[in-house]
Amino acid sequence: MCLAVPGRVVELYREHDVRMGKVDFGGISRPVCLEHVPEVRADEYVLVHAGFALVRIDEEEARRVFELMEQLDSLEELREGSP
């Protein structure tokens, strides 16, 4: 199973002629390849897997994914605490 994580594009730049971006994942920024989403702009959201942005998403969709991830994290904590 693959997991793509939403992040907000903070900065756009080119590295070795590859379209890249600095993407914020809830306070942690990472470089991400943006070649597959040429239409994305700063302050927009993307789904990222293994350092590659796969698709542009709107802010509402990003929030839904963040909420789902929080719920999954809470379920995992409950499961770890169960005998």
PDB file of N, CA and C in Angstrom:
ATOM      1  N   MET A   1       0.837  -1.168   0.000  1.00  0.00           N
ATOM      2  CA  MET A   1       0.000   0.000   0.000  1.00  0.00           C
ATOM      3  C   MET A   1       0.888   1.238   0.000  1.00  0.00           C
ATOM      4  N   CYS A   2       0.540   2.210  -0.803  1.00  0.00           N
ATOM      5  CA  CYS A   2       1.274   3.472  -0.874  1.00  0.00           C
ATOM      6  C   CYS A   2       0.533   4.531  -0.073  1.00  0.00           C
ATOM      7  N   LEU A   3       1.287   5.414   0.536  1.00  0.00           N
ATOM      8  CA  LEU A   3       0.702   6.506   1.286  1.00  0.00           C
ATOM      9  C   LEU A   3       1.216   7.817   0.730  1.00  0.00           C
ATOM     10  N   ALA A   4       0.325   8.670   0.303  1.00  0.00           N
ATOM     11  CA  ALA A   4       0.692  10.011  -0.149  1.00  0.00           C
ATOM     12  C   ALA A   4       0.249  10.987   0.925  1.00  0.00           C
ATOM     13  N   VAL A   5       1.112  11.936   1.235  1.00  0.00           N
ATOM     14  CA  VAL A   5       0.872  12.879   2.314  1.00  0.00           C
ATOM     15  C   VAL A   5       0.672  14.273   1.729  1.00  0.00           C
ATOM     16  N   PRO A   6      -0.342  15.007   2.205  1.00  0.00           N
ATOM     17  CA  PRO A   6      -0.535  16.362   1.695  1.00  0.00           C
ATOM     18  C   PRO A   6       0.475  17.333   2.285  1.00  0.00           C
ATOM     19  N   GLY A   7       0.860  18.293   1.476  1.00  0.00           N
ATOM     20  CA  GLY A   7       1.752  19.348   1.930  1.00  0.00           C
ATOM     21  C   GLY A   7       1.486  20.618   1.151  1.00  0.00           C
ATOM     22  N   ARG A   8       1.882  21.762   1.738  1.00  0.00           N
ATOM     23  CA  ARG A   8       1.669  23.057   1.098  1.00  0.00           C
ATOM     24  C   ARG A   8       2.970  23.521   0.465  1.00  0.00           C
ATOM     25  N   VAL A   9       2.897  23.879  -0.803  1.00  0.00           N
ATOM     26  CA  VAL A   9       4.074  24.365  -1.529  1.00  0.00           C
ATOM     27  C   VAL A   9       4.408  25.760  -1.007  1.00  0.00           C
ATOM     28  N   VAL A  10       5.622  25.896  -0.496  1.00  0.00           N
ATOM     29  CA  VAL A  10       6.066  27.156   0.080  1.00  0.00           C
ATOM     30  C   VAL A  10       6.899  27.949  -0.919  1.00  0.00           C
ATOM     31  N   GLU A  11       7.687  27.236  -1.706  1.00  0.00           N
ATOM     32  CA  GLU A  11       8.638  27.887  -2.607  1.00  0.00           C
ATOM     33  C   GLU A  11       8.829  27.020  -3.844  1.00  0.00           C
ATOM     34  N   LEU A  12       9.024  27.647  -4.983  1.00  0.00           N
ATOM     35  CA  LEU A  12       9.297  26.951  -6.242  1.00  0.00           C
ATOM     36  C   LEU A  12      10.716  27.292  -6.691  1.00  0.00           C
ATOM     37  N   TYR A  13      11.423  26.293  -7.245  1.00  0.00           N
ATOM     38  CA  TYR A  13      12.762  26.539  -7.777  1.00  0.00           C
ATOM     39  C   TYR A  13      13.133  25.419  -8.749  1.00  0.00           C
ATOM     40  N   ARG A  14      14.225  25.608  -9.451  1.00  0.00           N
ATOM     41  CA  ARG A  14      14.733  24.580 -10.361  1.00  0.00           C
ATOM     42  C   ARG A  14      16.055  24.072  -9.817  1.00  0.00           C
ATOM     43  N   GLU A  15      16.247  22.776  -9.924  1.00  0.00           N
ATOM     44  CA  GLU A  15      17.491  22.143  -9.506  1.00  0.00           C
ATOM     45  C   GLU A  15      17.900  21.162 -10.599  1.00  0.00           C
ATOM     46  N   HIS A  16      19.041  21.436 -11.230  1.00  0.00           N
ATOM     47  CA  HIS A  16      19.501  20.609 -12.361  1.00  0.00           C
ATOM     48  C   HIS A  16      18.419  20.479 -13.428  1.00  0.00           C
ATOM     49  N   ASP A  17      17.762  21.594 -13.718  1.00  0.00           N
ATOM     50  CA  ASP A  17      16.698  21.698 -14.710  1.00  0.00           C
ATOM     51  C   ASP A  17      15.451  20.867 -14.374  1.00  0.00           C
ATOM     52  N   VAL A  18      15.262  20.551 -13.100  1.00  0.00           N
ATOM     53  CA  VAL A  18      14.083  19.829 -12.629  1.00  0.00           C
ATOM     54  C   VAL A  18      13.264  20.788 -11.771  1.00  0.00           C
ATOM     55  N   ARG A  19      11.964  20.837 -12.021  1.00  0.00           N
ATOM     56  CA  ARG A  19      11.081  21.710 -11.229  1.00  0.00           C
ATOM     57  C   ARG A  19      10.925  21.125  -9.831  1.00  0.00           C
ATOM     58  N   MET A  20      11.329  21.899  -8.838  1.00  0.00           N
ATOM     59  CA  MET A  20      11.307  21.455  -7.454  1.00  0.00           C
ATOM     60  C   MET A  20      10.534  22.460  -6.614  1.00  0.00           C
ATOM     61  N   GLY A  21      10.228  22.066  -5.400  1.00  0.00           N
ATOM     62  CA  GLY A  21       9.568  22.975  -4.473  1.00  0.00           C
ATOM     63  C   GLY A  21       9.920  22.628  -3.048  1.00  0.00           C
ATOM     64  N   LYS A  22       9.861  23.625  -2.220  1.00  0.00           N
ATOM     65  CA  LYS A  22       9.963  23.419  -0.784  1.00  0.00           C
ATOM     66  C   LYS A  22       8.526  23.246  -0.308  1.00  0.00           C
ATOM     67  N   VAL A  23       8.228  22.096   0.297  1.00  0.00           N
ATOM     68  CA  VAL A  23       6.861  21.768   0.687  1.00  0.00           C
ATOM     69  C   VAL A  23       6.799  21.598   2.202  1.00  0.00           C
ATOM     70  N   ASP A  24       5.798  22.241   2.809  1.00  0.00           N
ATOM     71  CA  ASP A  24       5.610  22.202   4.255  1.00  0.00           C
ATOM     72  C   ASP A  24       4.615  21.111   4.619  1.00  0.00           C
ATOM     73  N   PHE A  25       5.051  20.220   5.514  1.00  0.00           N
ATOM     74  CA  PHE A  25       4.212  19.131   6.020  1.00  0.00           C
ATOM     75  C   PHE A  25       3.953  19.385   7.507  1.00  0.00           C
ATOM     76  N   GLY A  26       3.082  20.321   7.810  1.00  0.00           N
ATOM     77  CA  GLY A  26       2.740  20.600   9.197  1.00  0.00           C
ATOM     78  C   GLY A  26       3.911  21.076  10.034  1.00  0.00           C
ATOM     79  N   GLY A  27       4.734  21.935   9.474  1.00  0.00           N
ATOM     80  CA  GLY A  27       5.863  22.484  10.218  1.00  0.00           C
ATOM     81  C   GLY A  27       7.216  21.926   9.826  1.00  0.00           C
ATOM     82  N   ILE A  28       7.231  20.861   9.065  1.00  0.00           N
ATOM     83  CA  ILE A  28       8.476  20.273   8.572  1.00  0.00           C
ATOM     84  C   ILE A  28       8.521  20.479   7.066  1.00  0.00           C
ATOM     85  N   SER A  29       9.568  21.121   6.582  1.00  0.00           N
ATOM     86  CA  SER A  29       9.697  21.396   5.146  1.00  0.00           C
ATOM     87  C   SER A  29      10.686  20.433   4.510  1.00  0.00           C
ATOM     88  N   ARG A  30      10.346  19.987   3.312  1.00  0.00           N
ATOM     89  CA  ARG A  30      11.194  19.057   2.559  1.00  0.00           C
ATOM     90  C   ARG A  30      11.211  19.467   1.093  1.00  0.00           C
ATOM     91  N   PRO A  31      12.315  19.171   0.392  1.00  0.00           N
ATOM     92  CA  PRO A  31      12.327  19.383  -1.058  1.00  0.00           C
ATOM     93  C   PRO A  31      11.498  18.299  -1.742  1.00  0.00           C
ATOM     94  N   VAL A  32      10.717  18.697  -2.748  1.00  0.00           N
ATOM     95  CA  VAL A  32       9.836  17.769  -3.449  1.00  0.00           C
ATOM     96  C   VAL A  32       9.935  18.045  -4.942  1.00  0.00           C
ATOM     97  N   CYS A  33       9.983  16.992  -5.740  1.00  0.00           N
ATOM     98  CA  CYS A  33       9.959  17.133  -7.191  1.00  0.00           C
ATOM     99  C   CYS A  33       8.534  17.472  -7.633  1.00  0.00           C
ATOM    100  N   LEU A  34       8.415  18.547  -8.429  1.00  0.00           N
ATOM    101  CA  LEU A  34       7.107  19.008  -8.893  1.00  0.00           C
ATOM    102  C   LEU A  34       6.894  18.800 -10.390  1.00  0.00           C
ATOM    103  N   GLU A  35       7.713  18.003 -11.016  1.00  0.00           N
ATOM    104  CA  GLU A  35       7.612  17.792 -12.468  1.00  0.00           C
ATOM    105  C   GLU A  35       6.263  17.224 -12.897  1.00  0.00           C
ATOM    106  N   HIS A  36       5.614  16.424 -12.055  1.00  0.00           N
ATOM    107  CA  HIS A  36       4.334  15.800 -12.424  1.00  0.00           C
ATOM    108  C   HIS A  36       3.144  16.725 -12.224  1.00  0.00           C
ATOM    109  N   VAL A  37       3.380  17.889 -11.597  1.00  0.00           N
ATOM    110  CA  VAL A  37       2.304  18.855 -11.364  1.00  0.00           C
ATOM    111  C   VAL A  37       2.768  20.245 -11.815  1.00  0.00           C
ATOM    112  N   PRO A  38       2.963  20.426 -13.119  1.00  0.00           N
ATOM    113  CA  PRO A  38       3.519  21.691 -13.616  1.00  0.00           C
ATOM    114  C   PRO A  38       2.626  22.907 -13.351  1.00  0.00           C
ATOM    115  N   GLU A  39       1.351  22.679 -13.077  1.00  0.00           N
ATOM    116  CA  GLU A  39       0.423  23.783 -12.858  1.00  0.00           C
ATOM    117  C   GLU A  39       0.437  24.319 -11.429  1.00  0.00           C
ATOM    118  N   VAL A  40       1.083  23.607 -10.513  1.00  0.00           N
ATOM    119  CA  VAL A  40       1.040  23.998  -9.104  1.00  0.00           C
ATOM    120  C   VAL A  40       1.822  25.294  -8.860  1.00  0.00           C
ATOM    121  N   ARG A  41       1.295  26.090  -7.941  1.00  0.00           N
ATOM    122  CA  ARG A  41       1.891  27.378  -7.569  1.00  0.00           C
ATOM    123  C   ARG A  41       2.134  27.398  -6.059  1.00  0.00           C
ATOM    124  N   ALA A  42       2.896  28.378  -5.611  1.00  0.00           N
ATOM    125  CA  ALA A  42       3.140  28.549  -4.179  1.00  0.00           C
ATOM    126  C   ALA A  42       1.815  28.742  -3.452  1.00  0.00           C
ATOM    127  N   ASP A  43       1.725  28.216  -2.244  1.00  0.00           N
ATOM    128  CA  ASP A  43       0.541  28.255  -1.372  1.00  0.00           C
ATOM    129  C   ASP A  43      -0.557  27.289  -1.795  1.00  0.00           C
ATOM    130  N   GLU A  44      -0.305  26.445  -2.787  1.00  0.00           N
ATOM    131  CA  GLU A  44      -1.251  25.390  -3.144  1.00  0.00           C
ATOM    132  C   GLU A  44      -0.789  24.087  -2.491  1.00  0.00           C
ATOM    133  N   TYR A  45      -1.691  23.114  -2.461  1.00  0.00           N
ATOM    134  CA  TYR A  45      -1.411  21.834  -1.810  1.00  0.00           C
ATOM    135  C   TYR A  45      -1.199  20.733  -2.836  1.00  0.00           C
ATOM    136  N   VAL A  46      -0.329  19.792  -2.487  1.00  0.00           N
ATOM    137  CA  VAL A  46      -0.045  18.634  -3.329  1.00  0.00           C
ATOM    138  C   VAL A  46      -0.038  17.384  -2.457  1.00  0.00           C
ATOM    139  N   LEU A  47      -0.291  16.237  -3.078  1.00  0.00           N
ATOM    140  CA  LEU A  47      -0.091  14.954  -2.415  1.00  0.00           C
ATOM    141  C   LEU A  47       1.279  14.446  -2.826  1.00  0.00           C
ATOM    142  N   VAL A  48       2.080  14.077  -1.836  1.00  0.00           N
ATOM    143  CA  VAL A  48       3.471  13.698  -2.072  1.00  0.00           C
ATOM    144  C   VAL A  48       3.711  12.259  -1.638  1.00  0.00           C
ATOM    145  N   HIS A  49       4.384  11.515  -2.500  1.00  0.00           N
ATOM    146  CA  HIS A  49       4.811  10.144  -2.188  1.00  0.00           C
ATOM    147  C   HIS A  49       6.263  10.003  -2.602  1.00  0.00           C
ATOM    148  N   ALA A  50       7.101   9.586  -1.689  1.00  0.00           N
ATOM    149  CA  ALA A  50       8.523   9.309  -1.953  1.00  0.00           C
ATOM    150  C   ALA A  50       9.239  10.497  -2.603  1.00  0.00           C
ATOM    151  N   GLY A  51       8.892  11.720  -2.162  1.00  0.00           N
ATOM    152  CA  GLY A  51       9.577  12.901  -2.663  1.00  0.00           C
ATOM    153  C   GLY A  51       9.055  13.462  -3.973  1.00  0.00           C
ATOM    154  N   PHE A  52       7.966  12.892  -4.479  1.00  0.00           N
ATOM    155  CA  PHE A  52       7.370  13.347  -5.733  1.00  0.00           C
ATOM    156  C   PHE A  52       5.929  13.800  -5.496  1.00  0.00           C
ATOM    157  N   ALA A  53       5.601  15.003  -5.938  1.00  0.00           N
ATOM    158  CA  ALA A  53       4.217  15.464  -5.886  1.00  0.00           C
ATOM    159  C   ALA A  53       3.462  14.750  -7.002  1.00  0.00           C
ATOM    160  N   LEU A  54       2.376  14.095  -6.646  1.00  0.00           N
ATOM    161  CA  LEU A  54       1.621  13.299  -7.613  1.00  0.00           C
ATOM    162  C   LEU A  54       0.442  14.049  -8.208  1.00  0.00           C
ATOM    163  N   VAL A  55      -0.187  14.900  -7.392  1.00  0.00           N
ATOM    164  CA  VAL A  55      -1.387  15.609  -7.832  1.00  0.00           C
ATOM    165  C   VAL A  55      -1.579  16.852  -6.970  1.00  0.00           C
ATOM    166  N   ARG A  56      -2.152  17.875  -7.572  1.00  0.00           N
ATOM    167  CA  ARG A  56      -2.511  19.088  -6.831  1.00  0.00           C
ATOM    168  C   ARG A  56      -3.886  18.863  -6.218  1.00  0.00           C
ATOM    169  N   ILE A  57      -4.075  19.284  -4.979  1.00  0.00           N
ATOM    170  CA  ILE A  57      -5.374  19.181  -4.320  1.00  0.00           C
ATOM    171  C   ILE A  57      -5.729  20.538  -3.732  1.00  0.00           C
ATOM    172  N   ASP A  58      -7.016  20.739  -3.453  1.00  0.00           N
ATOM    173  CA  ASP A  58      -7.405  22.004  -2.845  1.00  0.00           C
ATOM    174  C   ASP A  58      -7.227  21.928  -1.326  1.00  0.00           C
ATOM    175  N   GLU A  59      -7.301  23.081  -0.692  1.00  0.00           N
ATOM    176  CA  GLU A  59      -7.050  23.165   0.748  1.00  0.00           C
ATOM    177  C   GLU A  59      -8.051  22.330   1.549  1.00  0.00           C
ATOM    178  N   GLU A  60      -9.290  22.305   1.110  1.00  0.00           N
ATOM    179  CA  GLU A  60     -10.315  21.521   1.809  1.00  0.00           C
ATOM    180  C   GLU A  60      -9.969  20.026   1.805  1.00  0.00           C
ATOM    181  N   GLU A  61      -9.540  19.524   0.659  1.00  0.00           N
ATOM    182  CA  GLU A  61      -9.151  18.107   0.569  1.00  0.00           C
ATOM    183  C   GLU A  61      -7.941  17.843   1.458  1.00  0.00           C
ATOM    184  N   ALA A  62      -6.977  18.757   1.470  1.00  0.00           N
ATOM    185  CA  ALA A  62      -5.796  18.596   2.332  1.00  0.00           C
ATOM    186  C   ALA A  62      -6.222  18.512   3.796  1.00  0.00           C
ATOM    187  N   ARG A  63      -7.143  19.363   4.206  1.00  0.00           N
ATOM    188  CA  ARG A  63      -7.623  19.337   5.600  1.00  0.00           C
ATOM    189  C   ARG A  63      -8.308  18.023   5.927  1.00  0.00           C
ATOM    190  N   ARG A  64      -9.096  17.507   4.984  1.00  0.00           N
ATOM    191  CA  ARG A  64      -9.760  16.210   5.221  1.00  0.00           C
ATOM    192  C   ARG A  64      -8.730  15.103   5.423  1.00  0.00           C
ATOM    193  N   VAL A  65      -7.668  15.124   4.623  1.00  0.00           N
ATOM    194  CA  VAL A  65      -6.623  14.102   4.760  1.00  0.00           C
ATOM    195  C   VAL A  65      -5.914  14.266   6.102  1.00  0.00           C
ATOM    196  N   PHE A  66      -5.600  15.520   6.500  1.00  0.00           N
ATOM    197  CA  PHE A  66      -4.969  15.752   7.799  1.00  0.00           C
ATOM    198  C   PHE A  66      -5.843  15.225   8.930  1.00  0.00           C
ATOM    199  N   GLU A  67      -7.158  15.476   8.858  1.00  0.00           N
ATOM    200  CA  GLU A  67      -8.088  14.999   9.885  1.00  0.00           C
ATOM    201  C   GLU A  67      -8.110  13.475   9.934  1.00  0.00           C
ATOM    202  N   LEU A  68      -8.146  12.835   8.773  1.00  0.00           N
ATOM    203  CA  LEU A  68      -8.136  11.377   8.711  1.00  0.00           C
ATOM    204  C   LEU A  68      -6.853  10.825   9.322  1.00  0.00           C
ATOM    205  N   MET A  69      -5.722  11.451   9.011  1.00  0.00           N
ATOM    206  CA  MET A  69      -4.448  10.988   9.569  1.00  0.00           C
ATOM    207  C   MET A  69      -4.436  11.122  11.092  1.00  0.00           C
ATOM    208  N   GLU A  70      -5.026  12.206  11.624  1.00  0.00           N
ATOM    209  CA  GLU A  70      -5.121  12.381  13.069  1.00  0.00           C
ATOM    210  C   GLU A  70      -5.991  11.297  13.693  1.00  0.00           C
ATOM    211  N   GLN A  71      -7.107  10.978  13.030  1.00  0.00           N
ATOM    212  CA  GLN A  71      -7.985   9.926  13.530  1.00  0.00           C
ATOM    213  C   GLN A  71      -7.273   8.579  13.541  1.00  0.00           C
ATOM    214  N   LEU A  72      -6.536   8.289  12.479  1.00  0.00           N
ATOM    215  CA  LEU A  72      -5.792   7.032  12.416  1.00  0.00           C
ATOM    216  C   LEU A  72      -4.728   6.966  13.503  1.00  0.00           C
ATOM    217  N   ASP A  73      -4.073   8.087  13.743  1.00  0.00           N
ATOM    218  CA  ASP A  73      -3.066   8.154  14.797  1.00  0.00           C
ATOM    219  C   ASP A  73      -3.710   7.906  16.161  1.00  0.00           C
ATOM    220  N   SER A  74      -4.878   8.487  16.394  1.00  0.00           N
ATOM    221  CA  SER A  74      -5.595   8.288  17.653  1.00  0.00           C
ATOM    222  C   SER A  74      -6.007   6.833  17.816  1.00  0.00           C
ATOM    223  N   LEU A  75      -6.478   6.210  16.729  1.00  0.00           N
ATOM    224  CA  LEU A  75      -6.846   4.792  16.790  1.00  0.00           C
ATOM    225  C   LEU A  75      -5.634   3.923  17.113  1.00  0.00           C
ATOM    226  N   GLU A  76      -4.493   4.259  16.534  1.00  0.00           N
ATOM    227  CA  GLU A  76      -3.271   3.496  16.797  1.00  0.00           C
ATOM    228  C   GLU A  76      -2.870   3.625  18.265  1.00  0.00           C
ATOM    229  N   GLU A  77      -2.987   4.827  18.806  1.00  0.00           N
ATOM    230  CA  GLU A  77      -2.664   5.033  20.227  1.00  0.00           C
ATOM    231  C   GLU A  77      -3.596   4.218  21.107  1.00  0.00           C
ATOM    232  N   LEU A  78      -4.899   4.173  20.766  1.00  0.00           N
ATOM    233  CA  LEU A  78      -5.849   3.367  21.525  1.00  0.00           C
ATOM    234  C   LEU A  78      -5.494   1.894  21.446  1.00  0.00           C
ATOM    235  N   ARG A  79      -5.151   1.441  20.272  1.00  0.00           N
ATOM    236  CA  ARG A  79      -4.806   0.030  20.067  1.00  0.00           C
ATOM    237  C   ARG A  79      -3.562  -0.335  20.849  1.00  0.00           C
ATOM    238  N   GLU A  80      -2.563   0.538  20.868  1.00  0.00           N
ATOM    239  CA  GLU A  80      -1.335   0.257  21.609  1.00  0.00           C
ATOM    240  C   GLU A  80      -1.574   0.217  23.102  1.00  0.00           C
ATOM    241  N   GLY A  81      -2.572   0.975  23.584  1.00  0.00           N
ATOM    242  CA  GLY A  81      -2.880   1.009  24.999  1.00  0.00           C
ATOM    243  C   GLY A  81      -3.781  -0.125  25.454  1.00  0.00           C
ATOM    244  N   SER A  82      -4.343  -0.875  24.497  1.00  0.00           N
ATOM    245  CA  SER A  82      -5.265  -1.979  24.845  1.00  0.00           C
ATOM    246  C   SER A  82      -4.485  -3.230  25.217  1.00  0.00           C
ATOM    247  N   PRO A  83      -5.014  -3.976  26.179  1.00  0.00           N
ATOM    248  CA  PRO A  83      -4.360  -5.251  26.559  1.00  0.00           C
ATOM    249  C   PRO A  83      -4.604  -6.333  25.542  1.00  0.00           C
TER     250      PRO A  83
END
